[in-house]
Amino acid sequence: MSGLLNKLRDSMHGAAFGIVDGVITVLGLTLGVSALSPDRTVILVAGVSVGIADGLANSAGFFVSEEVATEHGISNHTKKAIYASSISCFAATLVAVLFPTIPYLFAKIAIARVVSIMVGLSLLFVFGVIHARFSHESPIKEGLKLVAIGAIADAICFAIGKAIFMI
């Protein structure tokens, strides 16, 4: 049973990375693009395209870093565990992409932005709380830490979109 738990924990490491990165990246991108263009299609294509590219980059980067760590004795993951974690990283990033983009399918841009922010930051908070259970940190502190990181990144992206729009 402990072998199964270790495998699950290993693949969750990749999934955790994918979720956090996917939400922050795509939420920031959709906010920035929506500040620049009111075209729903542009926002959706940008969000999905960057989400897929981000998922591929995340999984490749995760794979290489885990492989190097294993080769240098920093980690003792098997090749199979590294592949599983990299695949879960990609899949989690793709799932995370849906949360900030779906509101743009159904709502006016201004409303979609607000819903996207609320959903994205809520997801980051929930993930921070879940992460705290494994890291033995304060759930509220971990949740708020991820919300702060996401909010800062996303505010910067929105401001850049607005600034470019003003040019």
Foldseek 3Di string as FASTA:
>chain_A
DVVVVVLVVLLVVLLLLLQLCLLLVLLLQLLLVVLQDQDLVVSLVRLQVVLQVVLLVSLVVQLVVVVVCCVVVVDVDDNVSSNSNSVSNSVSSNVNSCQLSVLSVPDRSVVSNVSSLVRSLVSQLVSQLVVCVVVVDDSNVRSVVSSVVSVVSNVVSNVNSNVVNVD
